[in-house]
């Protein structure tokens, strides 16, 4: 029987059974609308309030600073568009060339409406050029948005230095932490806005959060314009009936990640380093992103093979036939067809290389035995139907 091995945790993760157990009562027992005034509504509202408080405690922010949304894409759009449209400081935005498409697309949308967008370069390992970012800042800059970690190549960005620059200039700083939250430490005091996602950290899909620090909402030059208007839920920042089971599950998933953060970082990093070490033993292999594991997400491997880039999709399919799920990049970019990865292009890869990498993302439920199977059986076998460049052929 072919094993089933899931190495695509960067796209989404399996919901932890402990999270499911926490959610179940809110589908069939405590199912009221949290905005309703009767007892059923009050019970649901209490569940949302408790989840908000627990999540805020983990992040060391106040509960009122946690705004629940439907996903990381909504959180990023709310941060970028909300600040740009609400700021009286100016209409300038500074971001990086390797951001998630939800940030880059929001910036493009704003550029068509009169905002000036500066997209800062990165180095060959994906680190944002802090000097270039400094030069891009002006008196009109309303927001800087740089991700906490890159979703494709795992780069942990220099957010401390960027935060210091923004503080010196009084410019709000947003970070997309959807990939890194619960996997590496997150210092909330560095940021004015933080995008978080549940389904990347063993929680349910369809729920996320945007942390909006109170200093931003009270600032003299910046307010956050809501994208959704309606009933005024989420402190008037995000209207719409809250996803109670999802919010409960998100908070529980975050608690579990924080409880197990240290041990899981060590375990998953060890699996990652083994995969990188053994795959780079193949001739013509190359790693995308940092070679220093301490500057890379614990579970992220992004690797290509010179001469086989054009067959990366075929390799992915053949791995899938052998029970192993990996990806060729961000799942959110899969609708773009055969276009090169904008992240790998920004790292300096040519168009062929930028289409030919495999992204392997390991997580909580992956085991040493699965890595053994992948490295010793599935991966070598998947090359058999392809032109061999590994045996001198």
Foldseek 3Di string as FASTA:
>chain_A
DFAAAEQALLQFDAADPVLVVLLVCCVPPLPDFCVDDDPSNVVLVVLLQVLLCLVCVVQVAHSLQKFKFFFLLLLLLLVQVQFQVFFQQANEEEEELQDDVSNVVSVVVSVVVPHHYHYFFAALQQETDLVSRLVRDDSRYQEYEYACFGSFQFFGYPLQSVLVSCVVNVHFYEYECQQPQLQDDDNNVSHQKYWYGQRSQNADHGMTIIRHHVCQCPPPGTHGHAPDDDDCPSVNRYDDGDPSSRSSSSSVSNVVSVVCRVVFLVVLLVLQVVLVVLVVVFPQKDWHHDPPSVRGGSFKTKMFGPPCQVCQVLLQVQLVVSNYHWAQGHPVCVVVPQFFNSSNVSSVDPRSNSRRMIIGGDGDPDDPVSSCCVSPPSNVVSCVVPPDPRPVD
